[in-house]
Amino acid sequence: MPHESRFLDCCDCDQSFPFSIAQQRLYAAMGYDQPKRCPACKRSIEKSRGPVSVVELRSQQQYPLNAVAPRTEN
C-alpha cells in the first residue's frame, strides 16, 4: 500500500495534524489504526490518566507471566 504524507483531523479539538509517511509505516507495521487525536490532545489524555500501576500493566500483558510466548521462525 503506497503511503503519502497527509493531514488528519483530531476527534477532540478538530485541528488538523500531520500523519507522516514514517508514522504511517510504523502504524501499519504495528497493526494500529491511524491516530484519532493530535499529539497535544493525546498528551493531555495521558497526563490526566496519571501513572499506570504494575498491576494494570500485568493485566494488559498478552501472555501470563508464567506462560511461554510462542516461538517464531527466523
PDB file of N, CA and C in Angstrom:
ATOM      1  N   MET A   1       0.847  -1.177   0.000  1.00  0.00           N
ATOM      2  CA  MET A   1       0.000   0.000   0.000  1.00  0.00           C
ATOM      3  C   MET A   1       0.893   1.240   0.000  1.00  0.00           C
ATOM      4  N   PRO A   2       0.832   2.071  -1.043  1.00  0.00           N
ATOM      5  CA  PRO A   2       1.678   3.264  -1.076  1.00  0.00           C
ATOM      6  C   PRO A   2       1.213   4.293  -0.049  1.00  0.00           C
ATOM      7  N   HIS A   3       2.177   4.883   0.593  1.00  0.00           N
ATOM      8  CA  HIS A   3       1.874   5.887   1.607  1.00  0.00           C
ATOM      9  C   HIS A   3       2.268   7.251   1.068  1.00  0.00           C
ATOM     10  N   GLU A   4       1.492   8.258   1.421  1.00  0.00           N
ATOM     11  CA  GLU A   4       1.873   9.628   1.143  1.00  0.00           C
ATOM     12  C   GLU A   4       1.523  10.458   2.365  1.00  0.00           C
ATOM     13  N   SER A   5       2.320  11.464   2.622  1.00  0.00           N
ATOM     14  CA  SER A   5       2.101  12.309   3.785  1.00  0.00           C
ATOM     15  C   SER A   5       0.728  12.968   3.687  1.00  0.00           C
ATOM     16  N   ARG A   6       0.023  13.027   4.804  1.00  0.00           N
ATOM     17  CA  ARG A   6      -1.317  13.621   4.795  1.00  0.00           C
ATOM     18  C   ARG A   6      -1.638  14.229   6.145  1.00  0.00           C
ATOM     19  N   PHE A   7      -2.740  14.943   6.199  1.00  0.00           N
ATOM     20  CA  PHE A   7      -3.194  15.567   7.431  1.00  0.00           C
ATOM     21  C   PHE A   7      -4.480  14.893   7.883  1.00  0.00           C
ATOM     22  N   LEU A   8      -4.599  14.682   9.201  1.00  0.00           N
ATOM     23  CA  LEU A   8      -5.792  14.092   9.803  1.00  0.00           C
ATOM     24  C   LEU A   8      -6.444  15.134  10.700  1.00  0.00           C
ATOM     25  N   ASP A   9      -7.727  14.960  10.983  1.00  0.00           N
ATOM     26  CA  ASP A   9      -8.440  15.861  11.895  1.00  0.00           C
ATOM     27  C   ASP A   9      -8.593  15.195  13.251  1.00  0.00           C
ATOM     28  N   CYS A  10      -8.241  15.923  14.300  1.00  0.00           N
ATOM     29  CA  CYS A  10      -8.344  15.424  15.672  1.00  0.00           C
ATOM     30  C   CYS A  10      -9.821  15.303  16.057  1.00  0.00           C
ATOM     31  N   CYS A  11     -10.196  14.192  16.693  1.00  0.00           N
ATOM     32  CA  CYS A  11     -11.588  13.980  17.094  1.00  0.00           C
ATOM     33  C   CYS A  11     -11.964  14.808  18.325  1.00  0.00           C
ATOM     34  N   ASP A  12     -10.971  15.344  19.036  1.00  0.00           N
ATOM     35  CA  ASP A  12     -11.259  16.151  20.228  1.00  0.00           C
ATOM     36  C   ASP A  12     -11.289  17.644  19.941  1.00  0.00           C
ATOM     37  N   CYS A  13     -10.253  18.151  19.266  1.00  0.00           N
ATOM     38  CA  CYS A  13     -10.140  19.607  19.074  1.00  0.00           C
ATOM     39  C   CYS A  13     -10.403  20.048  17.635  1.00  0.00           C
ATOM     40  N   ASP A  14     -10.637  19.114  16.739  1.00  0.00           N
ATOM     41  CA  ASP A  14     -10.916  19.396  15.318  1.00  0.00           C
ATOM     42  C   ASP A  14      -9.780  20.092  14.578  1.00  0.00           C
ATOM     43  N   GLN A  15      -8.586  20.107  15.138  1.00  0.00           N
ATOM     44  CA  GLN A  15      -7.434  20.681  14.450  1.00  0.00           C
ATOM     45  C   GLN A  15      -6.810  19.616  13.547  1.00  0.00           C
ATOM     46  N   SER A  16      -6.263  20.055  12.429  1.00  0.00           N
ATOM     47  CA  SER A  16      -5.545  19.139  11.548  1.00  0.00           C
ATOM     48  C   SER A  16      -4.145  18.910  12.087  1.00  0.00           C
ATOM     49  N   PHE A  17      -3.649  17.684  11.922  1.00  0.00           N
ATOM     50  CA  PHE A  17      -2.281  17.374  12.334  1.00  0.00           C
ATOM     51  C   PHE A  17      -1.664  16.442  11.304  1.00  0.00           C
ATOM     52  N   PRO A  18      -0.335  16.553  11.122  1.00  0.00           N
ATOM     53  CA  PRO A  18       0.318  15.740  10.086  1.00  0.00           C
ATOM     54  C   PRO A  18       0.440  14.273  10.494  1.00  0.00           C
ATOM     55  N   PHE A  19       0.277  13.417   9.524  1.00  0.00           N
ATOM     56  CA  PHE A  19       0.474  11.978   9.690  1.00  0.00           C
ATOM     57  C   PHE A  19       1.489  11.589   8.614  1.00  0.00           C
ATOM     58  N   SER A  20       2.758  11.601   9.011  1.00  0.00           N
ATOM     59  CA  SER A  20       3.859  11.445   8.061  1.00  0.00           C
ATOM     60  C   SER A  20       3.926  10.030   7.485  1.00  0.00           C
ATOM     61  N   ILE A  21       4.693   9.901   6.433  1.00  0.00           N
ATOM     62  CA  ILE A  21       4.899   8.606   5.800  1.00  0.00           C
ATOM     63  C   ILE A  21       5.534   7.632   6.792  1.00  0.00           C
ATOM     64  N   ALA A  22       6.523   8.107   7.556  1.00  0.00           N
ATOM     65  CA  ALA A  22       7.188   7.252   8.554  1.00  0.00           C
ATOM     66  C   ALA A  22       6.195   6.788   9.616  1.00  0.00           C
ATOM     67  N   GLN A  23       5.322   7.693  10.077  1.00  0.00           N
ATOM     68  CA  GLN A  23       4.318   7.314  11.079  1.00  0.00           C
ATOM     69  C   GLN A  23       3.341   6.297  10.493  1.00  0.00           C
ATOM     70  N   GLN A  24       2.941   6.497   9.251  1.00  0.00           N
ATOM     71  CA  GLN A  24       2.010   5.562   8.613  1.00  0.00           C
ATOM     72  C   GLN A  24       2.628   4.171   8.517  1.00  0.00           C
ATOM     73  N   ARG A  25       3.888   4.119   8.157  1.00  0.00           N
ATOM     74  CA  ARG A  25       4.568   2.818   8.067  1.00  0.00           C
ATOM     75  C   ARG A  25       4.663   2.155   9.433  1.00  0.00           C
ATOM     76  N   LEU A  26       4.992   2.934  10.455  1.00  0.00           N
ATOM     77  CA  LEU A  26       5.080   2.398  11.806  1.00  0.00           C
ATOM     78  C   LEU A  26       3.730   1.872  12.271  1.00  0.00           C
ATOM     79  N   TYR A  27       2.685   2.661  12.082  1.00  0.00           N
ATOM     80  CA  TYR A  27       1.345   2.234  12.496  1.00  0.00           C
ATOM     81  C   TYR A  27       0.941   0.956  11.760  1.00  0.00           C
ATOM     82  N   ALA A  28       1.226   0.888  10.461  1.00  0.00           N
ATOM     83  CA  ALA A  28       0.885  -0.307   9.683  1.00  0.00           C
ATOM     84  C   ALA A  28       1.668  -1.521  10.173  1.00  0.00           C
ATOM     85  N   ALA A  29       2.957  -1.337  10.455  1.00  0.00           N
ATOM     86  CA  ALA A  29       3.795  -2.445  10.934  1.00  0.00           C
ATOM     87  C   ALA A  29       3.323  -2.958  12.290  1.00  0.00           C
ATOM     88  N   MET A  30       2.828  -2.059  13.124  1.00  0.00           N
ATOM     89  CA  MET A  30       2.356  -2.448  14.449  1.00  0.00           C
ATOM     90  C   MET A  30       0.902  -2.934  14.429  1.00  0.00           C
ATOM     91  N   GLY A  31       0.229  -2.781  13.289  1.00  0.00           N
ATOM     92  CA  GLY A  31      -1.162  -3.208  13.182  1.00  0.00           C
ATOM     93  C   GLY A  31      -2.137  -2.225  13.800  1.00  0.00           C
ATOM     94  N   TYR A  32      -1.728  -0.973  13.950  1.00  0.00           N
ATOM     95  CA  TYR A  32      -2.581   0.056  14.549  1.00  0.00           C
ATOM     96  C   TYR A  32      -3.413   0.759  13.482  1.00  0.00           C
ATOM     97  N   ASP A  33      -4.573   1.266  13.876  1.00  0.00           N
ATOM     98  CA  ASP A  33      -5.349   2.159  13.022  1.00  0.00           C
ATOM     99  C   ASP A  33      -4.675   3.525  13.044  1.00  0.00           C
ATOM    100  N   GLN A  34      -5.040   4.386  12.109  1.00  0.00           N
ATOM    101  CA  GLN A  34      -4.458   5.727  12.114  1.00  0.00           C
ATOM    102  C   GLN A  34      -4.914   6.469  13.372  1.00  0.00           C
ATOM    103  N   PRO A  35      -4.109   7.413  13.867  1.00  0.00           N
ATOM    104  CA  PRO A  35      -4.459   8.115  15.096  1.00  0.00           C
ATOM    105  C   PRO A  35      -5.720   8.954  14.929  1.00  0.00           C
ATOM    106  N   LYS A  36      -6.461   9.102  16.015  1.00  0.00           N
ATOM    107  CA  LYS A  36      -7.684   9.898  16.004  1.00  0.00           C
ATOM    108  C   LYS A  36      -7.485  11.240  16.694  1.00  0.00           C
ATOM    109  N   ARG A  37      -6.418  11.331  17.486  1.00  0.00           N
ATOM    110  CA  ARG A  37      -6.166  12.560  18.242  1.00  0.00           C
ATOM    111  C   ARG A  37      -4.819  13.149  17.865  1.00  0.00           C
ATOM    112  N   CYS A  38      -4.736  14.466  17.916  1.00  0.00           N
ATOM    113  CA  CYS A  38      -3.476  15.147  17.657  1.00  0.00           C
ATOM    114  C   CYS A  38      -2.527  14.886  18.824  1.00  0.00           C
ATOM    115  N   PRO A  39      -1.233  15.097  18.638  1.00  0.00           N
ATOM    116  CA  PRO A  39      -0.280  14.844  19.719  1.00  0.00           C
ATOM    117  C   PRO A  39      -0.598  15.613  21.012  1.00  0.00           C
ATOM    118  N   ALA A  40      -1.070  16.848  20.894  1.00  0.00           N
ATOM    119  CA  ALA A  40      -1.378  17.647  22.093  1.00  0.00           C
ATOM    120  C   ALA A  40      -2.540  17.039  22.879  1.00  0.00           C
ATOM    121  N   CYS A  41      -3.597  16.637  22.202  1.00  0.00           N
ATOM    122  CA  CYS A  41      -4.739  16.022  22.892  1.00  0.00           C
ATOM    123  C   CYS A  41      -4.364  14.659  23.464  1.00  0.00           C
ATOM    124  N   LYS A  42      -3.549  13.913  22.736  1.00  0.00           N
ATOM    125  CA  LYS A  42      -3.095  12.612  23.232  1.00  0.00           C
ATOM    126  C   LYS A  42      -2.292  12.777  24.520  1.00  0.00           C
ATOM    127  N   ARG A  43      -1.360  13.756  24.535  1.00  0.00           N
ATOM    128  CA  ARG A  43      -0.573  14.027  25.750  1.00  0.00           C
ATOM    129  C   ARG A  43      -1.470  14.451  26.904  1.00  0.00           C
ATOM    130  N   SER A  44      -2.468  15.273  26.605  1.00  0.00           N
ATOM    131  CA  SER A  44      -3.385  15.746  27.639  1.00  0.00           C
ATOM    132  C   SER A  44      -4.135  14.580  28.285  1.00  0.00           C
ATOM    133  N   ILE A  45      -4.595  13.646  27.470  1.00  0.00           N
ATOM    134  CA  ILE A  45      -5.310  12.473  27.994  1.00  0.00           C
ATOM    135  C   ILE A  45      -4.377  11.606  28.822  1.00  0.00           C
ATOM    136  N   GLU A  46      -3.165  11.361  28.305  1.00  0.00           N
ATOM    137  CA  GLU A  46      -2.206  10.538  29.037  1.00  0.00           C
ATOM    138  C   GLU A  46      -1.831  11.177  30.366  1.00  0.00           C
ATOM    139  N   LYS A  47      -1.692  12.496  30.368  1.00  0.00           N
ATOM    140  CA  LYS A  47      -1.340  13.218  31.593  1.00  0.00           C
ATOM    141  C   LYS A  47      -2.476  13.129  32.616  1.00  0.00           C
ATOM    142  N   SER A  48      -3.722  13.216  32.161  1.00  0.00           N
ATOM    143  CA  SER A  48      -4.863  13.187  33.074  1.00  0.00           C
ATOM    144  C   SER A  48      -5.082  11.799  33.674  1.00  0.00           C
ATOM    145  N   ARG A  49      -4.614  10.757  32.979  1.00  0.00           N
ATOM    146  CA  ARG A  49      -4.756   9.390  33.499  1.00  0.00           C
ATOM    147  C   ARG A  49      -3.803   9.106  34.644  1.00  0.00           C
ATOM    148  N   GLY A  50      -2.694   9.800  34.677  1.00  0.00           N
ATOM    149  CA  GLY A  50      -1.705   9.574  35.722  1.00  0.00           C
ATOM    150  C   GLY A  50      -0.888   8.330  35.458  1.00  0.00           C
ATOM    151  N   PRO A  51      -0.012   8.002  36.400  1.00  0.00           N
ATOM    152  CA  PRO A  51       0.858   6.834  36.214  1.00  0.00           C
ATOM    153  C   PRO A  51       0.062   5.527  36.220  1.00  0.00           C
ATOM    154  N   VAL A  52       0.564   4.564  35.473  1.00  0.00           N
ATOM    155  CA  VAL A  52      -0.053   3.238  35.390  1.00  0.00           C
ATOM    156  C   VAL A  52       0.645   2.332  36.406  1.00  0.00           C
ATOM    157  N   SER A  53      -0.140   1.610  37.187  1.00  0.00           N
ATOM    158  CA  SER A  53       0.449   0.730  38.196  1.00  0.00           C
ATOM    159  C   SER A  53       0.938  -0.560  37.560  1.00  0.00           C
ATOM    160  N   VAL A  54       1.801  -1.268  38.271  1.00  0.00           N
ATOM    161  CA  VAL A  54       2.335  -2.548  37.792  1.00  0.00           C
ATOM    162  C   VAL A  54       1.202  -3.554  37.639  1.00  0.00           C
ATOM    163  N   VAL A  55       0.224  -3.527  38.515  1.00  0.00           N
ATOM    164  CA  VAL A  55      -0.898  -4.455  38.429  1.00  0.00           C
ATOM    165  C   VAL A  55      -1.651  -4.243  37.120  1.00  0.00           C
ATOM    166  N   GLU A  56      -1.870  -2.987  36.732  1.00  0.00           N
ATOM    167  CA  GLU A  56      -2.555  -2.708  35.468  1.00  0.00           C
ATOM    168  C   GLU A  56      -1.740  -3.198  34.283  1.00  0.00           C
ATOM    169  N   LEU A  57      -0.440  -3.007  34.322  1.00  0.00           N
ATOM    170  CA  LEU A  57       0.418  -3.453  33.236  1.00  0.00           C
ATOM    171  C   LEU A  57       0.373  -4.964  33.098  1.00  0.00           C
ATOM    172  N   ARG A  58       0.424  -5.672  34.210  1.00  0.00           N
ATOM    173  CA  ARG A  58       0.395  -7.134  34.158  1.00  0.00           C
ATOM    174  C   ARG A  58      -0.929  -7.640  33.614  1.00  0.00           C
ATOM    175  N   SER A  59      -2.036  -6.968  33.946  1.00  0.00           N
ATOM    176  CA  SER A  59      -3.337  -7.425  33.450  1.00  0.00           C
ATOM    177  C   SER A  59      -3.493  -7.172  31.965  1.00  0.00           C
ATOM    178  N   GLN A  60      -2.674  -6.284  31.396  1.00  0.00           N
ATOM    179  CA  GLN A  60      -2.759  -5.979  29.975  1.00  0.00           C
ATOM    180  C   GLN A  60      -1.788  -6.801  29.142  1.00  0.00           C
ATOM    181  N   GLN A  61      -0.951  -7.599  29.776  1.00  0.00           N
ATOM    182  CA  GLN A  61       0.026  -8.384  29.034  1.00  0.00           C
ATOM    183  C   GLN A  61      -0.667  -9.419  28.176  1.00  0.00           C
ATOM    184  N   GLN A  62      -0.069  -9.701  27.024  1.00  0.00           N
ATOM    185  CA  GLN A  62      -0.645 -10.664  26.109  1.00  0.00           C
ATOM    186  C   GLN A  62      -0.530 -12.081  26.666  1.00  0.00           C
ATOM    187  N   TYR A  63       0.556 -12.359  27.360  1.00  0.00           N
ATOM    188  CA  TYR A  63       0.774 -13.683  27.914  1.00  0.00           C
ATOM    189  C   TYR A  63       0.905 -13.585  29.430  1.00  0.00           C
ATOM    190  N   PRO A  64       0.347 -14.520  30.170  1.00  0.00           N
ATOM    191  CA  PRO A  64       0.547 -14.527  31.620  1.00  0.00           C
ATOM    192  C   PRO A  64       2.034 -14.653  31.941  1.00  0.00           C
ATOM    193  N   LEU A  65       2.425 -14.216  33.117  1.00  0.00           N
ATOM    194  CA  LEU A  65       3.827 -14.216  33.490  1.00  0.00           C
ATOM    195  C   LEU A  65       4.430 -15.625  33.497  1.00  0.00           C
ATOM    196  N   ASN A  66       3.629 -16.653  33.769  1.00  0.00           N
ATOM    197  CA  ASN A  66       4.166 -17.995  33.837  1.00  0.00           C
ATOM    198  C   ASN A  66       4.034 -18.748  32.517  1.00  0.00           C
ATOM    199  N   ALA A  67       3.510 -18.105  31.482  1.00  0.00           N
ATOM    200  CA  ALA A  67       3.348 -18.771  30.186  1.00  0.00           C
ATOM    201  C   ALA A  67       4.564 -18.500  29.303  1.00  0.00           C
ATOM    202  N   VAL A  68       4.750 -19.351  28.336  1.00  0.00           N
ATOM    203  CA  VAL A  68       5.839 -19.180  27.386  1.00  0.00           C
ATOM    204  C   VAL A  68       5.252 -18.651  26.083  1.00  0.00           C
ATOM    205  N   ALA A  69       5.797 -17.570  25.600  1.00  0.00           N
ATOM    206  CA  ALA A  69       5.331 -16.984  24.345  1.00  0.00           C
ATOM    207  C   ALA A  69       5.694 -17.920  23.203  1.00  0.00           C
ATOM    208  N   PRO A  70       4.858 -18.005  22.187  1.00  0.00           N
ATOM    209  CA  PRO A  70       5.178 -18.882  21.049  1.00  0.00           C
ATOM    210  C   PRO A  70       6.428 -18.406  20.330  1.00  0.00           C
ATOM    211  N   ARG A  71       7.219 -19.364  19.866  1.00  0.00           N
ATOM    212  CA  ARG A  71       8.448 -19.038  19.148  1.00  0.00           C
ATOM    213  C   ARG A  71       8.101 -18.715  17.702  1.00  0.00           C
ATOM    214  N   THR A  72       8.893 -17.827  17.127  1.00  0.00           N
ATOM    215  CA  THR A  72       8.731 -17.512  15.712  1.00  0.00           C
ATOM    216  C   THR A  72       9.953 -18.000  14.968  1.00  0.00           C
ATOM    217  N   GLU A  73       9.747 -18.476  13.777  1.00  0.00           N
ATOM    218  CA  GLU A  73      10.846 -18.944  12.945  1.00  0.00           C
ATOM    219  C   GLU A  73      11.549 -17.753  12.330  1.00  0.00           C
ATOM    220  N   ASN A  74      12.867 -17.741  12.372  1.00  0.00           N
ATOM    221  CA  ASN A  74      13.638 -16.645  11.766  1.00  0.00           C
ATOM    222  C   ASN A  74      14.133 -17.015  10.421  1.00  0.00           C
TER     223      ASN A  74
END
